[in-house]
Amino acid sequence: MNNKPRMTRAHYNFLAQFINDYAVDQNLSPGDHITLASLMQRSLKGTNPNFDGMRFLDAALADIIVDPQEVGQ
């Protein structure tokens, strides 16, 4: 039995924006931001056959703060 609710694009957009805003507001490290978004992505699997996990991650990580010293390493 699947106990997951049926989700819509509006739900996914809301959750992705919330994760992104929260990560920025709380000044999460890039690793923590990615972890939070990835955990939610996995939780949302199975809530809608049209769910696009990569698209969700792109939205949830839209404003990820990357340390310039880490780029290119």
PDB file of N, CA and C in Angstrom:
ATOM      1  N   MET A   1       0.850  -1.187   0.000  1.00  0.00           N
ATOM      2  CA  MET A   1       0.000   0.000   0.000  1.00  0.00           C
ATOM      3  C   MET A   1       0.889   1.242   0.000  1.00  0.00           C
ATOM      4  N   ASN A   2       0.548   2.196  -0.861  1.00  0.00           N
ATOM      5  CA  ASN A   2       1.302   3.443  -0.964  1.00  0.00           C
ATOM      6  C   ASN A   2       0.598   4.512  -0.137  1.00  0.00           C
ATOM      7  N   ASN A   3       1.266   4.986   0.911  1.00  0.00           N
ATOM      8  CA  ASN A   3       0.687   6.007   1.788  1.00  0.00           C
ATOM      9  C   ASN A   3       1.091   7.412   1.383  1.00  0.00           C
ATOM     10  N   LYS A   4       1.778   7.551   0.258  1.00  0.00           N
ATOM     11  CA  LYS A   4       2.221   8.877  -0.174  1.00  0.00           C
ATOM     12  C   LYS A   4       1.052   9.625  -0.807  1.00  0.00           C
ATOM     13  N   PRO A   5       0.948  10.923  -0.500  1.00  0.00           N
ATOM     14  CA  PRO A   5      -0.137  11.715  -1.092  1.00  0.00           C
ATOM     15  C   PRO A   5       0.130  11.984  -2.571  1.00  0.00           C
ATOM     16  N   ARG A   6      -0.899  12.307  -3.287  1.00  0.00           N
ATOM     17  CA  ARG A   6      -0.781  12.697  -4.692  1.00  0.00           C
ATOM     18  C   ARG A   6      -0.375  14.168  -4.721  1.00  0.00           C
ATOM     19  N   MET A   7       0.770  14.443  -5.313  1.00  0.00           N
ATOM     20  CA  MET A   7       1.299  15.799  -5.354  1.00  0.00           C
ATOM     21  C   MET A   7       1.145  16.381  -6.753  1.00  0.00           C
ATOM     22  N   THR A   8       1.150  17.708  -6.819  1.00  0.00           N
ATOM     23  CA  THR A   8       1.031  18.419  -8.090  1.00  0.00           C
ATOM     24  C   THR A   8       2.266  19.282  -8.312  1.00  0.00           C
ATOM     25  N   ARG A   9       2.378  19.827  -9.501  1.00  0.00           N
ATOM     26  CA  ARG A   9       3.498  20.723  -9.815  1.00  0.00           C
ATOM     27  C   ARG A   9       3.548  21.893  -8.836  1.00  0.00           C
ATOM     28  N   ALA A  10       2.392  22.402  -8.443  1.00  0.00           N
ATOM     29  CA  ALA A  10       2.353  23.519  -7.495  1.00  0.00           C
ATOM     30  C   ALA A  10       2.994  23.120  -6.161  1.00  0.00           C
ATOM     31  N   HIS A  11       2.739  21.907  -5.708  1.00  0.00           N
ATOM     32  CA  HIS A  11       3.359  21.430  -4.473  1.00  0.00           C
ATOM     33  C   HIS A  11       4.878  21.369  -4.625  1.00  0.00           C
ATOM     34  N   TYR A  12       5.338  20.792  -5.749  1.00  0.00           N
ATOM     35  CA  TYR A  12       6.776  20.665  -5.976  1.00  0.00           C
ATOM     36  C   TYR A  12       7.446  22.031  -6.054  1.00  0.00           C
ATOM     37  N   ASN A  13       6.819  22.960  -6.746  1.00  0.00           N
ATOM     38  CA  ASN A  13       7.373  24.311  -6.854  1.00  0.00           C
ATOM     39  C   ASN A  13       7.464  24.980  -5.487  1.00  0.00           C
ATOM     40  N   PHE A  14       6.413  24.828  -4.693  1.00  0.00           N
ATOM     41  CA  PHE A  14       6.404  25.413  -3.351  1.00  0.00           C
ATOM     42  C   PHE A  14       7.527  24.830  -2.497  1.00  0.00           C
ATOM     43  N   LEU A  15       7.653  23.508  -2.502  1.00  0.00           N
ATOM     44  CA  LEU A  15       8.678  22.862  -1.684  1.00  0.00           C
ATOM     45  C   LEU A  15      10.092  23.220  -2.147  1.00  0.00           C
ATOM     46  N   ALA A  16      10.310  23.259  -3.444  1.00  0.00           N
ATOM     47  CA  ALA A  16      11.636  23.617  -3.964  1.00  0.00           C
ATOM     48  C   ALA A  16      11.993  25.047  -3.573  1.00  0.00           C
ATOM     49  N   GLN A  17      11.041  25.958  -3.709  1.00  0.00           N
ATOM     50  CA  GLN A  17      11.296  27.358  -3.340  1.00  0.00           C
ATOM     51  C   GLN A  17      11.550  27.488  -1.842  1.00  0.00           C
ATOM     52  N   PHE A  18      10.790  26.735  -1.049  1.00  0.00           N
ATOM     53  CA  PHE A  18      10.979  26.766   0.402  1.00  0.00           C
ATOM     54  C   PHE A  18      12.380  26.291   0.769  1.00  0.00           C
ATOM     55  N   ILE A  19      12.818  25.172   0.193  1.00  0.00           N
ATOM     56  CA  ILE A  19      14.156  24.646   0.482  1.00  0.00           C
ATOM     57  C   ILE A  19      15.227  25.647   0.080  1.00  0.00           C
ATOM     58  N   ASN A  20      15.088  26.200  -1.102  1.00  0.00           N
ATOM     59  CA  ASN A  20      16.068  27.168  -1.582  1.00  0.00           C
ATOM     60  C   ASN A  20      16.118  28.395  -0.671  1.00  0.00           C
ATOM     61  N   ASP A  21      14.968  28.955  -0.354  1.00  0.00           N
ATOM     62  CA  ASP A  21      14.916  30.133   0.519  1.00  0.00           C
ATOM     63  C   ASP A  21      15.464  29.827   1.907  1.00  0.00           C
ATOM     64  N   TYR A  22      15.099  28.678   2.455  1.00  0.00           N
ATOM     65  CA  TYR A  22      15.573  28.292   3.777  1.00  0.00           C
ATOM     66  C   TYR A  22      17.094  28.178   3.801  1.00  0.00           C
ATOM     67  N   ALA A  23      17.645  27.522   2.800  1.00  0.00           N
ATOM     68  CA  ALA A  23      19.097  27.339   2.735  1.00  0.00           C
ATOM     69  C   ALA A  23      19.818  28.675   2.669  1.00  0.00           C
ATOM     70  N   VAL A  24      19.282  29.606   1.896  1.00  0.00           N
ATOM     71  CA  VAL A  24      19.899  30.927   1.784  1.00  0.00           C
ATOM     72  C   VAL A  24      19.733  31.697   3.096  1.00  0.00           C
ATOM     73  N   ASP A  25      18.525  31.704   3.647  1.00  0.00           N
ATOM     74  CA  ASP A  25      18.260  32.437   4.894  1.00  0.00           C
ATOM     75  C   ASP A  25      19.111  31.921   6.055  1.00  0.00           C
ATOM     76  N   GLN A  26      19.313  30.609   6.102  1.00  0.00           N
ATOM     77  CA  GLN A  26      20.070  30.001   7.203  1.00  0.00           C
ATOM     78  C   GLN A  26      21.568  29.900   6.891  1.00  0.00           C
ATOM     79  N   ASN A  27      21.957  30.390   5.710  1.00  0.00           N
ATOM     80  CA  ASN A  27      23.359  30.362   5.297  1.00  0.00           C
ATOM     81  C   ASN A  27      23.932  28.943   5.369  1.00  0.00           C
ATOM     82  N   LEU A  28      23.166  27.985   4.852  1.00  0.00           N
ATOM     83  CA  LEU A  28      23.624  26.601   4.851  1.00  0.00           C
ATOM     84  C   LEU A  28      24.834  26.451   3.937  1.00  0.00           C
ATOM     85  N   SER A  29      25.687  25.547   4.292  1.00  0.00           N
ATOM     86  CA  SER A  29      26.827  25.239   3.429  1.00  0.00           C
ATOM     87  C   SER A  29      26.285  24.603   2.145  1.00  0.00           C
ATOM     88  N   PRO A  30      27.044  24.654   1.055  1.00  0.00           N
ATOM     89  CA  PRO A  30      26.582  24.005  -0.173  1.00  0.00           C
ATOM     90  C   PRO A  30      26.260  22.523   0.039  1.00  0.00           C
ATOM     91  N   GLY A  31      27.077  21.843   0.829  1.00  0.00           N
ATOM     92  CA  GLY A  31      26.830  20.426   1.093  1.00  0.00           C
ATOM     93  C   GLY A  31      25.520  20.192   1.818  1.00  0.00           C
ATOM     94  N   ASP A  32      25.230  21.024   2.814  1.00  0.00           N
ATOM     95  CA  ASP A  32      23.975  20.890   3.556  1.00  0.00           C
ATOM     96  C   ASP A  32      22.775  21.242   2.676  1.00  0.00           C
ATOM     97  N   HIS A  33      22.934  22.242   1.827  1.00  0.00           N
ATOM     98  CA  HIS A  33      21.864  22.644   0.906  1.00  0.00           C
ATOM     99  C   HIS A  33      21.548  21.482  -0.037  1.00  0.00           C
ATOM    100  N   ILE A  34      22.580  20.878  -0.587  1.00  0.00           N
ATOM    101  CA  ILE A  34      22.394  19.741  -1.500  1.00  0.00           C
ATOM    102  C   ILE A  34      21.775  18.557  -0.766  1.00  0.00           C
ATOM    103  N   THR A  35      22.236  18.289   0.442  1.00  0.00           N
ATOM    104  CA  THR A  35      21.694  17.176   1.228  1.00  0.00           C
ATOM    105  C   THR A  35      20.208  17.375   1.500  1.00  0.00           C
ATOM    106  N   LEU A  36      19.826  18.567   1.925  1.00  0.00           N
ATOM    107  CA  LEU A  36      18.424  18.859   2.208  1.00  0.00           C
ATOM    108  C   LEU A  36      17.563  18.670   0.958  1.00  0.00           C
ATOM    109  N   ALA A  37      18.002  19.233  -0.153  1.00  0.00           N
ATOM    110  CA  ALA A  37      17.243  19.114  -1.397  1.00  0.00           C
ATOM    111  C   ALA A  37      17.156  17.664  -1.868  1.00  0.00           C
ATOM    112  N   SER A  38      18.247  16.924  -1.735  1.00  0.00           N
ATOM    113  CA  SER A  38      18.273  15.526  -2.173  1.00  0.00           C
ATOM    114  C   SER A  38      17.372  14.642  -1.320  1.00  0.00           C
ATOM    115  N   LEU A  39      17.361  14.893  -0.022  1.00  0.00           N
ATOM    116  CA  LEU A  39      16.473  14.126   0.858  1.00  0.00           C
ATOM    117  C   LEU A  39      15.009  14.363   0.500  1.00  0.00           C
ATOM    118  N   MET A  40      14.664  15.603   0.215  1.00  0.00           N
ATOM    119  CA  MET A  40      13.285  15.895  -0.172  1.00  0.00           C
ATOM    120  C   MET A  40      12.967  15.264  -1.519  1.00  0.00           C
ATOM    121  N   GLN A  41      13.898  15.329  -2.454  1.00  0.00           N
ATOM    122  CA  GLN A  41      13.684  14.727  -3.768  1.00  0.00           C
ATOM    123  C   GLN A  41      13.366  13.235  -3.614  1.00  0.00           C
ATOM    124  N   ARG A  42      14.146  12.537  -2.810  1.00  0.00           N
ATOM    125  CA  ARG A  42      13.897  11.102  -2.599  1.00  0.00           C
ATOM    126  C   ARG A  42      12.555  10.853  -1.939  1.00  0.00           C
ATOM    127  N   SER A  43      12.170  11.732  -1.018  1.00  0.00           N
ATOM    128  CA  SER A  43      10.884  11.581  -0.334  1.00  0.00           C
ATOM    129  C   SER A  43       9.707  11.780  -1.279  1.00  0.00           C
ATOM    130  N   LEU A  44       9.908  12.608  -2.298  1.00  0.00           N
ATOM    131  CA  LEU A  44       8.820  12.919  -3.224  1.00  0.00           C
ATOM    132  C   LEU A  44       8.639  11.869  -4.316  1.00  0.00           C
ATOM    133  N   LYS A  45       9.615  10.985  -4.479  1.00  0.00           N
ATOM    134  CA  LYS A  45       9.464   9.927  -5.486  1.00  0.00           C
ATOM    135  C   LYS A  45       8.219   9.114  -5.174  1.00  0.00           C
ATOM    136  N   GLY A  46       7.455   8.837  -6.196  1.00  0.00           N
ATOM    137  CA  GLY A  46       6.245   8.040  -6.019  1.00  0.00           C
ATOM    138  C   GLY A  46       5.005   8.848  -5.696  1.00  0.00           C
ATOM    139  N   THR A  47       5.150  10.176  -5.613  1.00  0.00           N
ATOM    140  CA  THR A  47       3.980  11.006  -5.310  1.00  0.00           C
ATOM    141  C   THR A  47       3.238  11.430  -6.578  1.00  0.00           C
ATOM    142  N   ASN A  48       3.899  11.257  -7.728  1.00  0.00           N
ATOM    143  CA  ASN A  48       3.276  11.585  -9.009  1.00  0.00           C
ATOM    144  C   ASN A  48       4.142  10.941 -10.093  1.00  0.00           C
ATOM    145  N   PRO A  49       3.512  10.202 -11.021  1.00  0.00           N
ATOM    146  CA  PRO A  49       4.316   9.552 -12.058  1.00  0.00           C
ATOM    147  C   PRO A  49       5.061  10.550 -12.951  1.00  0.00           C
ATOM    148  N   ASN A  50       4.634  11.793 -12.980  1.00  0.00           N
ATOM    149  CA  ASN A  50       5.287  12.814 -13.803  1.00  0.00           C
ATOM    150  C   ASN A  50       6.360  13.600 -13.048  1.00  0.00           C
ATOM    151  N   PHE A  51       6.619  13.245 -11.785  1.00  0.00           N
ATOM    152  CA  PHE A  51       7.615  13.969 -10.993  1.00  0.00           C
ATOM    153  C   PHE A  51       8.984  13.856 -11.645  1.00  0.00           C
ATOM    154  N   ASP A  52       9.628  14.996 -11.854  1.00  0.00           N
ATOM    155  CA  ASP A  52      10.960  15.067 -12.452  1.00  0.00           C
ATOM    156  C   ASP A  52      11.944  15.463 -11.361  1.00  0.00           C
ATOM    157  N   GLY A  53      12.640  14.487 -10.825  1.00  0.00           N
ATOM    158  CA  GLY A  53      13.545  14.716  -9.705  1.00  0.00           C
ATOM    159  C   GLY A  53      14.663  15.695 -10.005  1.00  0.00           C
ATOM    160  N   MET A  54      15.227  15.623 -11.209  1.00  0.00           N
ATOM    161  CA  MET A  54      16.312  16.546 -11.553  1.00  0.00           C
ATOM    162  C   MET A  54      15.795  17.983 -11.668  1.00  0.00           C
ATOM    163  N   ARG A  55      14.624  18.138 -12.210  1.00  0.00           N
ATOM    164  CA  ARG A  55      14.031  19.474 -12.312  1.00  0.00           C
ATOM    165  C   ARG A  55      13.769  20.044 -10.913  1.00  0.00           C
ATOM    166  N   PHE A  56      13.310  19.173 -10.001  1.00  0.00           N
ATOM    167  CA  PHE A  56      13.086  19.591  -8.624  1.00  0.00           C
ATOM    168  C   PHE A  56      14.401  20.051  -7.994  1.00  0.00           C
ATOM    169  N   LEU A  57      15.454  19.253  -8.170  1.00  0.00           N
ATOM    170  CA  LEU A  57      16.752  19.634  -7.605  1.00  0.00           C
ATOM    171  C   LEU A  57      17.251  20.952  -8.178  1.00  0.00           C
ATOM    172  N   ASP A  58      17.091  21.133  -9.477  1.00  0.00           N
ATOM    173  CA  ASP A  58      17.510  22.402 -10.086  1.00  0.00           C
ATOM    174  C   ASP A  58      16.821  23.584  -9.419  1.00  0.00           C
ATOM    175  N   ALA A  59      15.532  23.451  -9.148  1.00  0.00           N
ATOM    176  CA  ALA A  59      14.775  24.538  -8.519  1.00  0.00           C
ATOM    177  C   ALA A  59      15.165  24.702  -7.048  1.00  0.00           C
ATOM    178  N   ALA A  60      15.336  23.591  -6.346  1.00  0.00           N
ATOM    179  CA  ALA A  60      15.666  23.649  -4.916  1.00  0.00           C
ATOM    180  C   ALA A  60      17.080  24.161  -4.668  1.00  0.00           C
ATOM    181  N   LEU A  61      17.934  24.075  -5.685  1.00  0.00           N
ATOM    182  CA  LEU A  61      19.325  24.523  -5.554  1.00  0.00           C
ATOM    183  C   LEU A  61      19.600  25.785  -6.372  1.00  0.00           C
ATOM    184  N   ALA A  62      18.557  26.502  -6.735  1.00  0.00           N
ATOM    185  CA  ALA A  62      18.688  27.657  -7.631  1.00  0.00           C
ATOM    186  C   ALA A  62      19.678  28.697  -7.112  1.00  0.00           C
ATOM    187  N   ASP A  63      19.695  28.928  -5.827  1.00  0.00           N
ATOM    188  CA  ASP A  63      20.554  29.973  -5.259  1.00  0.00           C
ATOM    189  C   ASP A  63      21.642  29.402  -4.366  1.00  0.00           C
ATOM    190  N   ILE A  64      22.090  28.203  -4.678  1.00  0.00           N
ATOM    191  CA  ILE A  64      23.128  27.580  -3.851  1.00  0.00           C
ATOM    192  C   ILE A  64      24.342  28.502  -3.787  1.00  0.00           C
ATOM    193  N   ILE A  65      24.875  28.640  -2.593  1.00  0.00           N
ATOM    194  CA  ILE A  65      26.023  29.511  -2.371  1.00  0.00           C
ATOM    195  C   ILE A  65      27.272  28.640  -2.393  1.00  0.00           C
ATOM    196  N   VAL A  66      28.099  28.857  -3.403  1.00  0.00           N
ATOM    197  CA  VAL A  66      29.313  28.076  -3.559  1.00  0.00           C
ATOM    198  C   VAL A  66      30.504  28.948  -3.196  1.00  0.00           C
ATOM    199  N   ASP A  67      31.377  28.412  -2.390  1.00  0.00           N
ATOM    200  CA  ASP A  67      32.601  29.096  -2.009  1.00  0.00           C
ATOM    201  C   ASP A  67      33.504  29.191  -3.243  1.00  0.00           C
ATOM    202  N   PRO A  68      33.890  30.382  -3.655  1.00  0.00           N
ATOM    203  CA  PRO A  68      34.731  30.534  -4.855  1.00  0.00           C
ATOM    204  C   PRO A  68      36.029  29.735  -4.784  1.00  0.00           C
ATOM    205  N   GLN A  69      36.535  29.480  -3.584  1.00  0.00           N
ATOM    206  CA  GLN A  69      37.762  28.699  -3.437  1.00  0.00           C
ATOM    207  C   GLN A  69      37.533  27.227  -3.750  1.00  0.00           C
ATOM    208  N   GLU A  70      36.270  26.766  -3.636  1.00  0.00           N
ATOM    209  CA  GLU A  70      35.966  25.368  -3.912  1.00  0.00           C
ATOM    210  C   GLU A  70      35.739  25.126  -5.400  1.00  0.00           C
ATOM    211  N   VAL A  71      35.456  26.162  -6.150  1.00  0.00           N
ATOM    212  CA  VAL A  71      35.211  26.017  -7.585  1.00  0.00           C
ATOM    213  C   VAL A  71      36.517  25.699  -8.294  1.00  0.00           C
ATOM    214  N   GLY A  72      36.514  24.697  -9.115  1.00  0.00           N
ATOM    215  CA  GLY A  72      37.685  24.345  -9.880  1.00  0.00           C
ATOM    216  C   GLY A  72      38.663  23.442  -9.162  1.00  0.00           C
ATOM    217  N   GLN A  73      38.331  23.003  -7.987  1.00  0.00           N
ATOM    218  CA  GLN A  73      39.238  22.108  -7.261  1.00  0.00           C
ATOM    219  C   GLN A  73      38.949  20.677  -7.620  1.00  0.00           C
TER     220      GLN A  73
END
